[in-house]
Each structure stands twice: as structure tokens, then as C-alpha cells.
């Protein structure tokens, strides 16, 4: 049973940038209402896709990664393939949008194996 993995500034490179799987990172904060609204969507998708990695990073506790990726608004989802950002989704969007983005990123990953 796959789960959303909590990442930090310290393990971001290992968990996200060096991941063999396409990876989504949810930049969020506990005080953010829209972040809390979409969190269950990522929990659900993490269970559905065993060929995709779902992560989240608290921007209040991990400012280095938030600064590195220029996070100015949350929730911000960044999708990585081979350590590169390939898609972004800003805001609390419906599950259908997130699922479509996951499928798009999977297709990119399959067309560019490393």
C-alpha cells in the first residue's frame, strides 16, 4: 500500500531528484486550507499508482526547497522526471486535473527512459 512520503530539505535530493519513478511534490503548509482540501486526493492517487511517487514538503519547515523552486503560492504541485520539473499545478484543483497531469507525466517518463 503506497503512501505519500513526507520529504524535507535534507532528503529532497534523494527522494525526489534521484527517484527512479516519476515524482509529484506537493508544496504545502498546515495553515493552508486549500492544501488540506487536496491532500486526500494525493493519498488516494498514491494508492492507485504503483509506478509513480507522491511526496509532500512543508514549506514552513523546509524553506530551502521552497526558495530553490520559487514557491510563492501554495498548494503548488511540481512533477519531476529524472530530477527535472516537467509539469506544475497551482492551487486546489479537482482530482480529474491532478489525475490527467499524472498520466501526462507518466507518458513523458515512458517516452524518455534513462
N, C-alpha and C. Protein backbone atom coordinates (compact mmCIF):
# COMPACT_ATOMS: atom_id res chain seq x y z
N UNK A 1 0.84 -1.18 0.00
CA UNK A 1 0.00 0.00 0.00
C UNK A 1 0.89 1.24 0.00
N UNK A 2 0.89 1.97 -1.09
CA UNK A 2 1.74 3.16 -1.23
C UNK A 2 1.16 4.32 -0.42
N UNK A 3 2.06 5.15 0.06
CA UNK A 3 1.67 6.32 0.82
C UNK A 3 2.38 7.54 0.28
N UNK A 4 1.84 8.71 0.60
CA UNK A 4 2.51 9.95 0.29
C UNK A 4 3.69 10.08 1.25
N UNK A 5 4.86 10.37 0.71
CA UNK A 5 6.08 10.44 1.51
C UNK A 5 6.36 11.90 1.88
N UNK A 6 6.61 12.13 3.16
CA UNK A 6 6.98 13.47 3.60
C UNK A 6 8.47 13.66 3.34
N UNK A 7 8.80 14.69 2.57
CA UNK A 7 10.21 14.97 2.30
C UNK A 7 10.61 16.27 3.00
N UNK A 8 11.91 16.45 3.13
CA UNK A 8 12.48 17.63 3.79
C UNK A 8 13.57 18.22 2.91
N UNK A 9 14.09 19.36 3.32
CA UNK A 9 15.23 19.94 2.62
C UNK A 9 16.38 18.93 2.57
N UNK A 10 16.54 18.17 3.65
CA UNK A 10 17.67 17.25 3.77
C UNK A 10 17.56 16.03 2.86
N UNK A 11 16.35 15.50 2.65
CA UNK A 11 16.24 14.28 1.85
C UNK A 11 15.59 14.51 0.48
N UNK A 12 15.37 15.76 0.11
CA UNK A 12 14.71 16.08 -1.16
C UNK A 12 15.48 15.50 -2.35
N UNK A 13 16.78 15.68 -2.36
CA UNK A 13 17.58 15.19 -3.48
C UNK A 13 17.45 13.68 -3.63
N UNK A 14 17.57 12.96 -2.53
CA UNK A 14 17.50 11.50 -2.58
C UNK A 14 16.10 11.01 -2.96
N UNK A 15 15.08 11.57 -2.33
CA UNK A 15 13.70 11.09 -2.53
C UNK A 15 13.08 11.56 -3.85
N UNK A 16 13.45 12.76 -4.29
CA UNK A 16 12.79 13.34 -5.47
C UNK A 16 13.72 13.37 -6.69
N UNK A 17 14.83 14.06 -6.57
CA UNK A 17 15.70 14.28 -7.73
C UNK A 17 16.35 13.00 -8.22
N UNK A 18 16.64 12.06 -7.32
CA UNK A 18 17.28 10.80 -7.71
C UNK A 18 16.28 9.65 -7.85
N UNK A 19 15.00 9.95 -7.73
CA UNK A 19 13.97 8.91 -7.81
C UNK A 19 13.96 8.27 -9.20
N UNK A 20 13.83 6.95 -9.21
CA UNK A 20 13.71 6.22 -10.48
C UNK A 20 12.30 6.36 -11.05
N UNK A 21 11.34 6.71 -10.19
CA UNK A 21 9.95 6.87 -10.62
C UNK A 21 9.62 8.34 -10.88
N UNK A 22 8.69 8.61 -11.79
CA UNK A 22 8.17 9.98 -11.89
C UNK A 22 7.62 10.35 -10.51
N UNK A 23 7.83 11.61 -10.11
CA UNK A 23 7.52 12.02 -8.74
C UNK A 23 6.76 13.33 -8.72
N UNK A 24 5.73 13.37 -7.88
CA UNK A 24 4.97 14.59 -7.62
C UNK A 24 5.38 15.09 -6.25
N UNK A 25 5.58 16.41 -6.13
CA UNK A 25 5.86 17.02 -4.84
C UNK A 25 4.81 18.09 -4.59
N UNK A 26 4.10 17.93 -3.49
CA UNK A 26 3.10 18.89 -3.05
C UNK A 26 3.76 19.84 -2.06
N UNK A 27 3.96 21.09 -2.47
CA UNK A 27 4.48 22.12 -1.57
C UNK A 27 3.27 22.67 -0.81
N UNK A 28 3.27 22.53 0.52
CA UNK A 28 2.09 22.84 1.32
C UNK A 28 2.48 23.41 2.68
N UNK A 29 1.48 23.82 3.45
CA UNK A 29 1.67 24.24 4.84
C UNK A 29 0.41 23.86 5.62
N UNK A 30 0.55 23.56 6.92
CA UNK A 30 -0.59 23.12 7.72
C UNK A 30 -1.71 24.16 7.83
N UNK A 31 -1.37 25.44 7.77
CA UNK A 31 -2.37 26.50 7.91
C UNK A 31 -3.14 26.78 6.62
N UNK A 32 -2.74 26.14 5.53
CA UNK A 32 -3.32 26.39 4.20
C UNK A 32 -4.57 25.53 3.98
N UNK A 33 -5.73 26.17 3.96
CA UNK A 33 -6.99 25.46 3.75
C UNK A 33 -7.04 24.69 2.44
N UNK A 34 -6.72 25.33 1.30
CA UNK A 34 -6.73 24.60 0.03
C UNK A 34 -5.76 23.41 0.03
N UNK A 35 -4.64 23.53 0.74
CA UNK A 35 -3.69 22.42 0.83
C UNK A 35 -4.35 21.23 1.52
N UNK A 36 -5.07 21.51 2.59
CA UNK A 36 -5.76 20.44 3.32
C UNK A 36 -6.88 19.83 2.48
N UNK A 37 -7.49 20.63 1.61
CA UNK A 37 -8.56 20.13 0.76
C UNK A 37 -8.06 19.10 -0.25
N UNK A 38 -6.88 19.32 -0.83
CA UNK A 38 -6.41 18.41 -1.88
C UNK A 38 -5.57 17.26 -1.36
N UNK A 39 -5.14 17.32 -0.12
CA UNK A 39 -4.30 16.26 0.44
C UNK A 39 -4.92 14.87 0.29
N UNK A 40 -6.22 14.69 0.55
CA UNK A 40 -6.81 13.35 0.38
C UNK A 40 -6.74 12.83 -1.07
N UNK A 41 -6.71 13.74 -2.03
CA UNK A 41 -6.60 13.32 -3.44
C UNK A 41 -5.25 12.63 -3.66
N UNK A 42 -4.20 13.21 -3.11
CA UNK A 42 -2.87 12.61 -3.27
C UNK A 42 -2.76 11.29 -2.53
N UNK A 43 -3.40 11.20 -1.36
CA UNK A 43 -3.42 9.93 -0.64
C UNK A 43 -4.09 8.85 -1.50
N UNK A 44 -5.19 9.20 -2.13
CA UNK A 44 -5.94 8.26 -2.97
C UNK A 44 -5.11 7.84 -4.20
N UNK A 45 -4.48 8.82 -4.86
CA UNK A 45 -3.70 8.52 -6.06
C UNK A 45 -2.45 7.70 -5.73
N UNK A 46 -1.86 7.95 -4.57
CA UNK A 46 -0.67 7.18 -4.15
C UNK A 46 -1.00 5.71 -4.04
N UNK A 47 -2.23 5.41 -3.66
CA UNK A 47 -2.65 4.00 -3.56
C UNK A 47 -2.92 3.40 -4.94
N UNK A 48 -3.32 4.23 -5.89
CA UNK A 48 -3.69 3.74 -7.22
C UNK A 48 -2.48 3.50 -8.12
N UNK A 49 -1.50 4.39 -8.07
CA UNK A 49 -0.36 4.34 -8.99
C UNK A 49 0.87 3.78 -8.28
N UNK A 50 1.25 2.55 -8.63
CA UNK A 50 2.45 1.99 -8.03
C UNK A 50 3.69 2.33 -8.85
N UNK A 51 3.50 2.98 -10.00
CA UNK A 51 4.61 3.38 -10.86
C UNK A 51 4.85 4.89 -10.81
N UNK A 52 4.42 5.51 -9.71
CA UNK A 52 4.52 6.95 -9.54
C UNK A 52 4.75 7.22 -8.06
N UNK A 53 5.58 8.20 -7.73
CA UNK A 53 5.90 8.51 -6.35
C UNK A 53 5.25 9.84 -5.98
N UNK A 54 4.56 9.86 -4.85
CA UNK A 54 3.89 11.07 -4.37
C UNK A 54 4.56 11.53 -3.08
N UNK A 55 4.93 12.80 -3.05
CA UNK A 55 5.62 13.38 -1.90
C UNK A 55 4.96 14.69 -1.52
N UNK A 56 5.23 15.12 -0.30
CA UNK A 56 4.81 16.45 0.12
C UNK A 56 5.90 17.05 0.98
N UNK A 57 6.00 18.38 0.91
CA UNK A 57 7.02 19.09 1.68
C UNK A 57 6.39 20.32 2.31
N UNK A 58 6.56 20.45 3.61
CA UNK A 58 6.03 21.57 4.37
C UNK A 58 6.94 22.78 4.12
N UNK A 59 6.41 23.82 3.47
CA UNK A 59 7.23 24.97 3.09
C UNK A 59 7.64 25.82 4.29
N UNK A 60 6.90 25.75 5.40
CA UNK A 60 7.28 26.49 6.59
C UNK A 60 8.50 25.89 7.27
N UNK A 61 8.62 24.57 7.21
CA UNK A 61 9.72 23.88 7.87
C UNK A 61 10.89 23.61 6.93
N UNK A 62 10.68 23.77 5.64
CA UNK A 62 11.71 23.44 4.64
C UNK A 62 11.83 24.58 3.63
N UNK A 63 12.37 25.68 4.11
CA UNK A 63 12.41 26.90 3.30
C UNK A 63 13.41 26.82 2.15
N UNK A 64 14.44 26.01 2.27
CA UNK A 64 15.46 25.95 1.21
C UNK A 64 14.87 25.46 -0.11
N UNK A 65 14.07 24.39 -0.06
CA UNK A 65 13.48 23.86 -1.30
C UNK A 65 12.39 24.80 -1.83
N UNK A 66 11.64 25.41 -0.93
CA UNK A 66 10.62 26.37 -1.35
C UNK A 66 11.29 27.54 -2.08
N UNK A 67 12.41 28.01 -1.57
CA UNK A 67 13.14 29.10 -2.23
C UNK A 67 13.76 28.64 -3.53
N UNK A 68 14.37 27.46 -3.52
CA UNK A 68 15.02 26.95 -4.73
C UNK A 68 14.05 26.87 -5.90
N UNK A 69 12.81 26.44 -5.63
CA UNK A 69 11.83 26.27 -6.69
C UNK A 69 10.88 27.46 -6.83
N UNK A 70 11.18 28.55 -6.14
CA UNK A 70 10.43 29.79 -6.30
C UNK A 70 8.97 29.68 -5.90
N UNK A 71 8.69 28.95 -4.84
CA UNK A 71 7.31 28.76 -4.41
C UNK A 71 6.81 30.05 -3.76
N UNK A 72 5.84 30.68 -4.42
CA UNK A 72 5.27 31.94 -3.93
C UNK A 72 3.83 31.75 -3.47
N UNK A 73 3.16 30.71 -3.98
CA UNK A 73 1.78 30.40 -3.62
C UNK A 73 1.67 28.90 -3.41
N UNK A 74 0.79 28.53 -2.48
CA UNK A 74 0.54 27.11 -2.23
C UNK A 74 -0.96 26.88 -2.21
N UNK A 75 -1.40 25.68 -2.48
CA UNK A 75 -0.61 24.50 -2.81
C UNK A 75 -0.04 24.57 -4.23
N UNK A 76 1.20 24.13 -4.35
CA UNK A 76 1.89 24.04 -5.64
C UNK A 76 2.39 22.61 -5.78
N UNK A 77 2.00 21.99 -6.87
CA UNK A 77 2.47 20.65 -7.15
C UNK A 77 3.46 20.72 -8.30
N UNK A 78 4.63 20.16 -8.08
CA UNK A 78 5.63 20.05 -9.13
C UNK A 78 5.84 18.58 -9.42
N UNK A 79 5.95 18.28 -10.70
CA UNK A 79 6.11 16.91 -11.17
C UNK A 79 7.49 16.76 -11.77
N UNK A 80 8.23 15.77 -11.30
CA UNK A 80 9.62 15.56 -11.70
C UNK A 80 9.78 14.24 -12.45
N UNK A 81 10.62 14.27 -13.49
CA UNK A 81 11.05 13.07 -14.19
C UNK A 81 12.55 13.18 -14.33
N UNK A 82 13.28 12.18 -13.83
CA UNK A 82 14.75 12.18 -13.87
C UNK A 82 15.33 13.45 -13.26
N UNK A 83 14.70 13.95 -12.20
CA UNK A 83 15.21 15.11 -11.48
C UNK A 83 14.83 16.46 -12.08
N UNK A 84 14.12 16.46 -13.18
CA UNK A 84 13.71 17.71 -13.83
C UNK A 84 12.22 17.98 -13.63
N UNK A 85 11.86 19.24 -13.41
CA UNK A 85 10.46 19.62 -13.32
C UNK A 85 9.87 19.57 -14.73
N UNK A 86 8.81 18.79 -14.91
CA UNK A 86 8.19 18.65 -16.23
C UNK A 86 6.77 19.20 -16.28
N UNK A 87 6.13 19.36 -15.12
CA UNK A 87 4.77 19.91 -15.05
C UNK A 87 4.61 20.59 -13.70
N UNK A 88 3.66 21.55 -13.65
CA UNK A 88 3.31 22.22 -12.40
C UNK A 88 1.80 22.43 -12.37
N UNK A 89 1.24 22.33 -11.19
CA UNK A 89 -0.17 22.61 -10.99
C UNK A 89 -0.28 23.49 -9.75
N UNK A 90 -0.86 24.68 -9.91
CA UNK A 90 -1.01 25.61 -8.79
C UNK A 90 -2.45 25.63 -8.33
N UNK A 91 -2.64 25.57 -7.02
CA UNK A 91 -3.96 25.73 -6.44
C UNK A 91 -4.67 24.43 -6.16
N UNK A 92 -5.84 24.57 -5.56
CA UNK A 92 -6.69 23.43 -5.25
C UNK A 92 -7.52 23.12 -6.48
N UNK A 93 -7.11 22.13 -7.21
CA UNK A 93 -7.78 21.75 -8.46
C UNK A 93 -8.50 20.42 -8.26
N UNK A 94 -9.47 20.12 -9.12
CA UNK A 94 -10.19 18.85 -8.99
C UNK A 94 -9.29 17.64 -9.22
N UNK A 95 -9.71 16.51 -8.69
CA UNK A 95 -8.96 15.26 -8.85
C UNK A 95 -8.72 14.94 -10.32
N UNK A 96 -9.68 15.25 -11.18
CA UNK A 96 -9.54 14.95 -12.60
C UNK A 96 -8.33 15.67 -13.21
N UNK A 97 -8.07 16.89 -12.78
CA UNK A 97 -6.93 17.66 -13.28
C UNK A 97 -5.62 17.02 -12.80
N UNK A 98 -5.59 16.64 -11.54
CA UNK A 98 -4.38 16.03 -10.99
C UNK A 98 -4.12 14.68 -11.66
N UNK A 99 -5.17 13.89 -11.81
CA UNK A 99 -5.03 12.58 -12.44
C UNK A 99 -4.54 12.73 -13.89
N UNK A 100 -5.08 13.70 -14.62
CA UNK A 100 -4.66 13.94 -16.00
C UNK A 100 -3.19 14.35 -16.05
N UNK A 101 -2.75 15.14 -15.08
CA UNK A 101 -1.35 15.56 -15.03
C UNK A 101 -0.45 14.37 -14.73
N UNK A 102 -0.86 13.51 -13.81
CA UNK A 102 -0.09 12.30 -13.50
C UNK A 102 0.05 11.45 -14.77
N UNK A 103 -1.03 11.25 -15.50
CA UNK A 103 -0.99 10.46 -16.73
C UNK A 103 -0.07 11.09 -17.77
N UNK A 104 -0.11 12.41 -17.88
CA UNK A 104 0.76 13.14 -18.83
C UNK A 104 2.23 12.95 -18.46
N UNK A 105 2.52 13.04 -17.17
CA UNK A 105 3.91 12.88 -16.69
C UNK A 105 4.36 11.44 -16.89
N UNK A 106 3.50 10.48 -16.65
CA UNK A 106 3.84 9.07 -16.91
C UNK A 106 4.19 8.85 -18.37
N UNK A 107 3.42 9.45 -19.25
CA UNK A 107 3.68 9.31 -20.70
C UNK A 107 5.03 9.93 -21.05
N UNK A 108 5.36 11.08 -20.46
CA UNK A 108 6.67 11.71 -20.70
C UNK A 108 7.79 10.81 -20.20
N UNK A 109 7.61 10.23 -19.03
CA UNK A 109 8.64 9.37 -18.44
C UNK A 109 8.87 8.13 -19.31
N UNK A 110 7.79 7.57 -19.84
CA UNK A 110 7.92 6.38 -20.67
C UNK A 110 8.56 6.69 -22.02
N UNK A 111 8.38 7.90 -22.51
CA UNK A 111 8.97 8.27 -23.80
C UNK A 111 10.42 8.71 -23.67
N UNK A 112 10.88 8.91 -22.42
CA UNK A 112 12.25 9.36 -22.17
C UNK A 112 12.90 8.51 -21.09
N UNK A 113 13.05 7.21 -21.32
CA UNK A 113 13.67 6.36 -20.28
C UNK A 113 15.15 6.65 -20.15
N UNK A 114 15.64 6.53 -18.91
CA UNK A 114 17.08 6.74 -18.68
C UNK A 114 17.67 5.57 -17.96
